[in-house]
Amino acid sequence: KLKTANNGHLTKTLEDLEYCDFIRSYVVLGKNSSTK
Protein backbone atom coordinates (compact mmCIF):
# COMPACT_ATOMS: atom_id res chain seq x y z
CA LYS A 1 0.00 0.00 0.00
CA LEU A 2 2.93 2.36 0.63
CA LYS A 3 4.64 1.21 -2.56
CA THR A 4 7.86 0.58 -0.67
CA ALA A 5 10.26 -2.37 -0.48
CA ASN A 6 9.46 -5.12 2.00
CA ASN A 7 12.98 -5.22 3.39
CA GLY A 8 15.08 -4.48 6.46
CA HIS A 9 14.34 -0.78 6.20
CA LEU A 10 10.63 -1.45 6.70
CA THR A 11 11.46 -3.87 9.53
CA LYS A 12 13.38 -1.10 11.32
CA THR A 13 10.51 1.35 10.88
CA LEU A 14 7.99 -1.09 12.31
CA GLU A 15 10.29 -2.06 15.20
CA ASP A 16 10.89 1.60 16.04
CA LEU A 17 7.17 2.36 16.15
CA GLU A 18 6.61 -0.66 18.36
CA TYR A 19 9.42 0.33 20.73
CA CYS A 20 7.67 3.69 21.14
CA ASP A 21 4.29 2.05 21.89
CA PHE A 22 2.64 3.55 18.82
CA ILE A 23 1.82 0.21 17.23
CA ARG A 24 1.57 -3.40 18.34
CA SER A 25 2.28 -6.58 16.42
CA TYR A 26 0.13 -9.60 17.05
CA VAL A 27 -0.45 -13.02 15.57
CA VAL A 28 -3.86 -13.92 14.24
CA LEU A 29 -4.57 -17.60 14.71
CA GLY A 30 -6.89 -19.60 12.53
CA LYS A 31 -8.50 -22.99 12.17
CA ASN A 32 -7.04 -24.93 15.11
CA SER A 33 -5.79 -21.93 17.16
CA SER A 34 -2.20 -22.99 16.63
CA THR A 35 -1.71 -22.11 12.97
CA LYS A 36 -0.73 -18.58 11.94
All heavy atoms as atom14 arrays in JSON, in Angstrom:
{
  "sequence": "KLKTANNGHLTKTLEDLEYCDFIRSYVVLGKNSSTK",
  "atom14_mask": [
    [1, 1, 1, 1, 1, 1, 1, 1, 1, 0, 0, 0, 0, 0],
    [1, 1, 1, 1, 1, 1, 1, 1, 0, 0, 0, 0, 0, 0],
    [1, 1, 1, 1, 1, 1, 1, 1, 1, 0, 0, 0, 0, 0],
    [1, 1, 1, 1, 1, 1, 1, 0, 0, 0, 0, 0, 0, 0],
    [1, 1, 1, 1, 1, 0, 0, 0, 0, 0, 0, 0, 0, 0],
    [1, 1, 1, 1, 1, 1, 1, 1, 0, 0, 0, 0, 0, 0],
    [1, 1, 1, 1, 1, 1, 1, 1, 0, 0, 0, 0, 0, 0],
    [1, 1, 1, 1, 0, 0, 0, 0, 0, 0, 0, 0, 0, 0],
    [1, 1, 1, 1, 1, 1, 1, 1, 1, 1, 0, 0, 0, 0],
    [1, 1, 1, 1, 1, 1, 1, 1, 0, 0, 0, 0, 0, 0],
    [1, 1, 1, 1, 1, 1, 1, 0, 0, 0, 0, 0, 0, 0],
    [1, 1, 1, 1, 1, 1, 1, 1, 1, 0, 0, 0, 0, 0],
    [1, 1, 1, 1, 1, 1, 1, 0, 0, 0, 0, 0, 0, 0],
    [1, 1, 1, 1, 1, 1, 1, 1, 0, 0, 0, 0, 0, 0],
    [1, 1, 1, 1, 1, 1, 1, 1, 1, 0, 0, 0, 0, 0],
    [1, 1, 1, 1, 1, 1, 1, 1, 0, 0, 0, 0, 0, 0],
    [1, 1, 1, 1, 1, 1, 1, 1, 0, 0, 0, 0, 0, 0],
    [1, 1, 1, 1, 1, 1, 1, 1, 1, 0, 0, 0, 0, 0],
    [1, 1, 1, 1, 1, 1, 1, 1, 1, 1, 1, 1, 0, 0],
    [1, 1, 1, 1, 1, 1, 0, 0, 0, 0, 0, 0, 0, 0],
    [1, 1, 1, 1, 1, 1, 1, 1, 0, 0, 0, 0, 0, 0],
    [1, 1, 1, 1, 1, 1, 1, 1, 1, 1, 1, 0, 0, 0],
    [1, 1, 1, 1, 1, 1, 1, 1, 0, 0, 0, 0, 0, 0],
    [1, 1, 1, 1, 1, 1, 1, 1, 1, 1, 1, 0, 0, 0],
    [1, 1, 1, 1, 1, 1, 0, 0, 0, 0, 0, 0, 0, 0],
    [1, 1, 1, 1, 1, 1, 1, 1, 1, 1, 1, 1, 0, 0],
    [1, 1, 1, 1, 1, 1, 1, 0, 0, 0, 0, 0, 0, 0],
    [1, 1, 1, 1, 1, 1, 1, 0, 0, 0, 0, 0, 0, 0],
    [1, 1, 1, 1, 1, 1, 1, 1, 0, 0, 0, 0, 0, 0],
    [1, 1, 1, 1, 0, 0, 0, 0, 0, 0, 0, 0, 0, 0],
    [1, 1, 1, 1, 1, 1, 1, 1, 1, 0, 0, 0, 0, 0],
    [1, 1, 1, 1, 1, 1, 1, 1, 0, 0, 0, 0, 0, 0],
    [1, 1, 1, 1, 1, 1, 0, 0, 0, 0, 0, 0, 0, 0],
    [1, 1, 1, 1, 1, 1, 0, 0, 0, 0, 0, 0, 0, 0],
    [1, 1, 1, 1, 1, 1, 1, 0, 0, 0, 0, 0, 0, 0],
    [1, 1, 1, 1, 1, 1, 1, 1, 1, 0, 0, 0, 0, 0]
  ],
  "atom14_positions": [
    [[0.82, -1.21, 0.0], [0.0, 0.0, 0.0], [0.85, 1.26, 0.0], [0.45, 2.3, -0.54], [-0.95, -0.01, 1.2], [-2.05, -1.06, 1.09], [-2.96, -1.06, 2.31], [-4.03, -2.13, 2.21], [-4.99, -1.85, 1.13], [0.0, 0.0, 0.0], [0.0, 0.0, 0.0], [0.0, 0.0, 0.0], [0.0, 0.0, 0.0], [0.0, 0.0, 0.0]],
    [[2.05, 1.2, 0.61], [2.93, 2.36, 0.63], [3.87, 2.39, -0.57], [4.64, 3.34, -0.73], [3.76, 2.38, 1.92], [3.01, 2.64, 3.22], [3.98, 2.63, 4.41], [2.26, 3.97, 3.17], [0.0, 0.0, 0.0], [0.0, 0.0, 0.0], [0.0, 0.0, 0.0], [0.0, 0.0, 0.0], [0.0, 0.0, 0.0], [0.0, 0.0, 0.0]],
    [[3.79, 1.32, -1.38], [4.64, 1.21, -2.56], [6.12, 1.33, -2.17], [6.9, 2.09, -2.76], [4.28, 2.26, -3.61], [2.87, 2.07, -4.19], [2.55, 3.13, -5.23], [1.26, 2.84, -5.95], [0.09, 2.66, -5.06], [0.0, 0.0, 0.0], [0.0, 0.0, 0.0], [0.0, 0.0, 0.0], [0.0, 0.0, 0.0], [0.0, 0.0, 0.0]],
    [[6.49, 0.57, -1.15], [7.86, 0.58, -0.67], [8.37, -0.86, -0.6], [7.58, -1.81, -0.62], [7.96, 1.24, 0.71], [9.33, 1.42, 1.06], [7.28, 0.4, 1.79], [0.0, 0.0, 0.0], [0.0, 0.0, 0.0], [0.0, 0.0, 0.0], [0.0, 0.0, 0.0], [0.0, 0.0, 0.0], [0.0, 0.0, 0.0], [0.0, 0.0, 0.0]],
    [[9.67, -1.03, -0.51], [10.26, -2.37, -0.48], [9.98, -3.04, 0.86], [10.04, -2.4, 1.92], [11.77, -2.28, -0.71], [0.0, 0.0, 0.0], [0.0, 0.0, 0.0], [0.0, 0.0, 0.0], [0.0, 0.0, 0.0], [0.0, 0.0, 0.0], [0.0, 0.0, 0.0], [0.0, 0.0, 0.0], [0.0, 0.0, 0.0], [0.0, 0.0, 0.0]],
    [[9.68, -4.33, 0.79], [9.46, -5.12, 2.0], [10.8, -5.69, 2.44], [11.12, -6.86, 2.23], [8.45, -6.24, 1.71], [8.04, -7.0, 2.96], [8.56, -6.74, 4.04], [7.12, -7.93, 2.82], [0.0, 0.0, 0.0], [0.0, 0.0, 0.0], [0.0, 0.0, 0.0], [0.0, 0.0, 0.0], [0.0, 0.0, 0.0], [0.0, 0.0, 0.0]],
    [[11.61, -4.83, 3.06], [12.98, -5.22, 3.39], [13.34, -4.81, 4.82], [12.47, -4.47, 5.61], [13.95, -4.59, 2.39], [13.81, -3.07, 2.32], [13.21, -2.45, 3.21], [14.35, -2.46, 1.29], [0.0, 0.0, 0.0], [0.0, 0.0, 0.0], [0.0, 0.0, 0.0], [0.0, 0.0, 0.0], [0.0, 0.0, 0.0], [0.0, 0.0, 0.0]],
    [[14.62, -4.81, 5.11], [15.08, -4.48, 6.46], [14.76, -3.06, 6.87], [14.58, -2.76, 8.05], [0.0, 0.0, 0.0], [0.0, 0.0, 0.0], [0.0, 0.0, 0.0], [0.0, 0.0, 0.0], [0.0, 0.0, 0.0], [0.0, 0.0, 0.0], [0.0, 0.0, 0.0], [0.0, 0.0, 0.0], [0.0, 0.0, 0.0], [0.0, 0.0, 0.0]],
    [[14.68, -2.17, 5.89], [14.34, -0.78, 6.2], [12.94, -0.69, 6.77], [12.7, 0.03, 7.76], [14.45, 0.06, 4.92], [14.24, 1.53, 5.14], [15.13, 2.32, 5.83], [13.21, 2.34, 4.78], [14.69, 3.56, 5.86], [13.5, 3.59, 5.24], [0.0, 0.0, 0.0], [0.0, 0.0, 0.0], [0.0, 0.0, 0.0], [0.0, 0.0, 0.0]],
    [[12.0, -1.43, 6.18], [10.63, -1.45, 6.7], [10.6, -2.13, 8.06], [9.87, -1.7, 8.96], [9.71, -2.17, 5.72], [8.24, -2.28, 6.15], [7.64, -0.9, 6.37], [7.43, -3.06, 5.11], [0.0, 0.0, 0.0], [0.0, 0.0, 0.0], [0.0, 0.0, 0.0], [0.0, 0.0, 0.0], [0.0, 0.0, 0.0], [0.0, 0.0, 0.0]],
    [[11.39, -3.18, 8.23], [11.46, -3.87, 9.53], [11.88, -2.89, 10.62], [11.28, -2.86, 11.7], [12.48, -5.03, 9.47], [12.02, -5.99, 8.52], [12.62, -5.69, 10.83], [0.0, 0.0, 0.0], [0.0, 0.0, 0.0], [0.0, 0.0, 0.0], [0.0, 0.0, 0.0], [0.0, 0.0, 0.0], [0.0, 0.0, 0.0], [0.0, 0.0, 0.0]],
    [[12.89, -2.08, 10.34], [13.38, -1.1, 11.32], [12.29, -0.09, 11.66], [12.1, 0.26, 12.83], [14.61, -0.39, 10.77], [15.19, 0.67, 11.71], [16.43, 1.31, 11.11], [17.01, 2.36, 12.04], [16.09, 3.5, 12.29], [0.0, 0.0, 0.0], [0.0, 0.0, 0.0], [0.0, 0.0, 0.0], [0.0, 0.0, 0.0], [0.0, 0.0, 0.0]],
    [[11.58, 0.38, 10.64], [10.51, 1.35, 10.88], [9.44, 0.79, 11.78], [9.0, 1.43, 12.74], [9.89, 1.79, 9.54], [10.9, 2.39, 8.71], [8.77, 2.8, 9.76], [0.0, 0.0, 0.0], [0.0, 0.0, 0.0], [0.0, 0.0, 0.0], [0.0, 0.0, 0.0], [0.0, 0.0, 0.0], [0.0, 0.0, 0.0], [0.0, 0.0, 0.0]],
    [[9.03, -0.45, 11.5], [7.99, -1.09, 12.31], [8.48, -1.36, 13.73], [7.74, -1.16, 14.71], [7.53, -2.38, 11.64], [6.81, -2.21, 10.3], [6.58, -3.57, 9.63], [5.48, -1.48, 10.47], [0.0, 0.0, 0.0], [0.0, 0.0, 0.0], [0.0, 0.0, 0.0], [0.0, 0.0, 0.0], [0.0, 0.0, 0.0], [0.0, 0.0, 0.0]],
    [[9.73, -1.8, 13.86], [10.29, -2.06, 15.2], [10.35, -0.76, 16.0], [10.03, -0.75, 17.19], [11.68, -2.67, 15.07], [11.68, -4.12, 14.64], [13.09, -4.69, 14.5], [14.06, -3.9, 14.57], [13.22, -5.91, 14.34], [0.0, 0.0, 0.0], [0.0, 0.0, 0.0], [0.0, 0.0, 0.0], [0.0, 0.0, 0.0], [0.0, 0.0, 0.0]],
    [[10.78, 0.31, 15.35], [10.89, 1.6, 16.04], [9.54, 2.07, 16.56], [9.42, 2.55, 17.69], [11.48, 2.66, 15.1], [12.95, 2.43, 14.81], [13.55, 1.56, 15.45], [13.5, 3.13, 13.93], [0.0, 0.0, 0.0], [0.0, 0.0, 0.0], [0.0, 0.0, 0.0], [0.0, 0.0, 0.0], [0.0, 0.0, 0.0], [0.0, 0.0, 0.0]],
    [[8.51, 1.95, 15.74], [7.17, 2.36, 16.15], [6.65, 1.5, 17.3], [5.94, 1.98, 18.19], [6.21, 2.29, 14.96], [6.38, 3.38, 13.9], [5.58, 3.07, 12.66], [6.0, 4.75, 14.45], [0.0, 0.0, 0.0], [0.0, 0.0, 0.0], [0.0, 0.0, 0.0], [0.0, 0.0, 0.0], [0.0, 0.0, 0.0], [0.0, 0.0, 0.0]],
    [[7.04, 0.23, 17.28], [6.61, -0.66, 18.36], [7.35, -0.36, 19.65], [6.77, -0.38, 20.73], [6.81, -2.12, 17.94], [6.04, -3.1, 18.79], [5.91, -4.47, 18.15], [6.47, -4.7, 17.07], [5.24, -5.33, 18.77], [0.0, 0.0, 0.0], [0.0, 0.0, 0.0], [0.0, 0.0, 0.0], [0.0, 0.0, 0.0], [0.0, 0.0, 0.0]],
    [[8.66, -0.05, 19.55], [9.42, 0.33, 20.73], [8.78, 1.54, 21.42], [8.8, 1.66, 22.65], [10.86, 0.7, 20.35], [11.76, -0.45, 19.99], [12.71, -0.3, 18.97], [11.69, -1.66, 20.65], [13.56, -1.34, 18.63], [12.54, -2.7, 20.31], [13.47, -2.55, 19.3], [14.31, -3.58, 18.96], [0.0, 0.0, 0.0], [0.0, 0.0, 0.0]],
    [[8.23, 2.45, 20.62], [7.67, 3.69, 21.14], [6.2, 3.55, 21.56], [5.56, 4.54, 21.91], [7.8, 4.8, 20.11], [9.5, 5.3, 19.78], [0.0, 0.0, 0.0], [0.0, 0.0, 0.0], [0.0, 0.0, 0.0], [0.0, 0.0, 0.0], [0.0, 0.0, 0.0], [0.0, 0.0, 0.0], [0.0, 0.0, 0.0], [0.0, 0.0, 0.0]],
    [[5.67, 2.34, 21.48], [4.29, 2.05, 21.89], [3.24, 2.7, 20.99], [2.1, 2.89, 21.4], [4.04, 2.5, 23.35], [4.87, 1.7, 24.35], [5.14, 0.52, 24.07], [5.25, 2.26, 25.39], [0.0, 0.0, 0.0], [0.0, 0.0, 0.0], [0.0, 0.0, 0.0], [0.0, 0.0, 0.0], [0.0, 0.0, 0.0], [0.0, 0.0, 0.0]],
    [[3.62, 3.01, 19.76], [2.64, 3.55, 18.82], [1.84, 2.43, 18.15], [0.66, 2.58, 17.86], [3.32, 4.38, 17.74], [3.86, 5.69, 18.24], [5.2, 6.02, 18.06], [3.05, 6.59, 18.9], [5.7, 7.22, 18.52], [3.55, 7.79, 19.37], [4.88, 8.11, 19.18], [0.0, 0.0, 0.0], [0.0, 0.0, 0.0], [0.0, 0.0, 0.0]],
    [[2.5, 1.33, 17.87], [1.82, 0.21, 17.23], [2.09, -1.06, 18.03], [2.97, -1.09, 18.89], [2.29, 0.0, 15.77], [3.74, -0.47, 15.72], [2.12, 1.28, 14.95], [4.23, -0.86, 14.33], [0.0, 0.0, 0.0], [0.0, 0.0, 0.0], [0.0, 0.0, 0.0], [0.0, 0.0, 0.0], [0.0, 0.0, 0.0], [0.0, 0.0, 0.0]],
    [[1.31, -2.08, 17.77], [1.57, -3.4, 18.34], [1.58, -4.4, 17.2], [0.96, -4.2, 16.15], [0.52, -3.79, 19.36], [-0.85, -4.1, 18.75], [-1.73, -4.89, 19.69], [-3.02, -5.21, 19.09], [-3.69, -6.33, 19.27], [-3.19, -7.27, 20.04], [-4.86, -6.53, 18.69], [0.0, 0.0, 0.0], [0.0, 0.0, 0.0], [0.0, 0.0, 0.0]],
    [[2.31, -5.47, 17.37], [2.28, -6.58, 16.42], [1.64, -7.76, 17.13], [1.91, -8.0, 18.31], [3.68, -6.94, 15.92], [4.5, -7.35, 16.99], [0.0, 0.0, 0.0], [0.0, 0.0, 0.0], [0.0, 0.0, 0.0], [0.0, 0.0, 0.0], [0.0, 0.0, 0.0], [0.0, 0.0, 0.0], [0.0, 0.0, 0.0], [0.0, 0.0, 0.0]],
    [[0.77, -8.45, 16.44], [0.13, -9.6, 17.05], [-0.11, -10.67, 15.99], [-0.14, -10.39, 14.79], [-1.19, -9.21, 17.73], [-2.29, -8.76, 16.79], [-3.3, -9.64, 16.41], [-2.34, -7.45, 16.32], [-4.33, -9.22, 15.57], [-3.36, -7.03, 15.48], [-4.36, -7.92, 15.11], [-5.37, -7.5, 14.28], [0.0, 0.0, 0.0], [0.0, 0.0, 0.0]],
    [[-0.24, -11.88, 16.46], [-0.45, -13.02, 15.57], [-1.93, -13.36, 15.57], [-2.55, -13.5, 16.62], [0.38, -14.24, 16.03], [0.03, -15.45, 15.18], [1.86, -13.93, 15.95], [0.0, 0.0, 0.0], [0.0, 0.0, 0.0], [0.0, 0.0, 0.0], [0.0, 0.0, 0.0], [0.0, 0.0, 0.0], [0.0, 0.0, 0.0], [0.0, 0.0, 0.0]],
    [[-2.48, -13.46, 14.38], [-3.86, -13.92, 14.24], [-3.82, -15.41, 14.01], [-3.14, -15.91, 13.11], [-4.57, -13.23, 13.05], [-5.94, -13.83, 12.83], [-4.7, -11.74, 13.33], [0.0, 0.0, 0.0], [0.0, 0.0, 0.0], [0.0, 0.0, 0.0], [0.0, 0.0, 0.0], [0.0, 0.0, 0.0], [0.0, 0.0, 0.0], [0.0, 0.0, 0.0]],
    [[-4.53, -16.16, 14.84], [-4.57, -17.6, 14.71], [-5.85, -18.02, 14.0], [-6.88, -17.38, 14.11], [-4.49, -18.27, 16.08], [-3.24, -17.94, 16.9], [-3.24, -18.71, 18.19], [-1.98, -18.26, 16.11], [0.0, 0.0, 0.0], [0.0, 0.0, 0.0], [0.0, 0.0, 0.0], [0.0, 0.0, 0.0], [0.0, 0.0, 0.0], [0.0, 0.0, 0.0]],
    [[-5.74, -19.12, 13.28], [-6.89, -19.6, 12.53], [-7.28, -20.99, 12.94], [-7.02, -21.45, 14.04], [0.0, 0.0, 0.0], [0.0, 0.0, 0.0], [0.0, 0.0, 0.0], [0.0, 0.0, 0.0], [0.0, 0.0, 0.0], [0.0, 0.0, 0.0], [0.0, 0.0, 0.0], [0.0, 0.0, 0.0], [0.0, 0.0, 0.0], [0.0, 0.0, 0.0]],
    [[-7.92, -21.65, 12.08], [-8.5, -22.99, 12.17], [-8.35, -23.72, 13.5], [-9.33, -23.94, 14.19], [-7.94, -23.85, 11.04], [-8.86, -25.02, 10.73], [-8.49, -25.64, 9.42], [-9.46, -26.75, 9.08], [-9.15, -27.4, 7.82], [0.0, 0.0, 0.0], [0.0, 0.0, 0.0], [0.0, 0.0, 0.0], [0.0, 0.0, 0.0], [0.0, 0.0, 0.0]],
    [[-7.16, -24.12, 13.89], [-7.04, -24.93, 15.11], [-6.37, -24.17, 16.25], [-5.86, -24.74, 17.19], [-6.26, -26.23, 14.83], [-4.85, -25.95, 14.35], [-4.42, -24.8, 14.34], [-4.14, -26.98, 13.94], [0.0, 0.0, 0.0], [0.0, 0.0, 0.0], [0.0, 0.0, 0.0], [0.0, 0.0, 0.0], [0.0, 0.0, 0.0], [0.0, 0.0, 0.0]],
    [[-6.37, -22.84, 16.16], [-5.79, -21.93, 17.16], [-4.32, -22.21, 17.44], [-3.79, -21.89, 18.48], [-6.59, -21.92, 18.47], [-6.08, -22.77, 19.45], [0.0, 0.0, 0.0], [0.0, 0.0, 0.0], [0.0, 0.0, 0.0], [0.0, 0.0, 0.0], [0.0, 0.0, 0.0], [0.0, 0.0, 0.0], [0.0, 0.0, 0.0], [0.0, 0.0, 0.0]],
    [[-3.65, -22.82, 16.49], [-2.2, -22.99, 16.63], [-1.5, -22.68, 15.31], [-0.28, -22.7, 15.22], [-1.85, -24.42, 17.06], [-2.25, -25.35, 16.07], [0.0, 0.0, 0.0], [0.0, 0.0, 0.0], [0.0, 0.0, 0.0], [0.0, 0.0, 0.0], [0.0, 0.0, 0.0], [0.0, 0.0, 0.0], [0.0, 0.0, 0.0], [0.0, 0.0, 0.0]],
    [[-2.27, -22.38, 14.29], [-1.71, -22.11, 12.97], [-1.82, -20.63, 12.65], [-2.89, -20.04, 12.74], [-2.47, -22.9, 11.88], [-2.43, -24.27, 12.22], [-1.83, -22.68, 10.53], [0.0, 0.0, 0.0], [0.0, 0.0, 0.0], [0.0, 0.0, 0.0], [0.0, 0.0, 0.0], [0.0, 0.0, 0.0], [0.0, 0.0, 0.0], [0.0, 0.0, 0.0]],
    [[-0.72, -19.99, 12.32], [-0.73, -18.58, 11.94], [-1.44, -18.42, 10.6], [-1.25, -19.22, 9.69], [0.69, -18.03, 11.82], [1.46, -17.99, 13.12], [2.82, -17.39, 12.9], [3.63, -17.38, 14.2], [4.98, -16.81, 14.01], [0.0, 0.0, 0.0], [0.0, 0.0, 0.0], [0.0, 0.0, 0.0], [0.0, 0.0, 0.0], [0.0, 0.0, 0.0]]
  ]
}
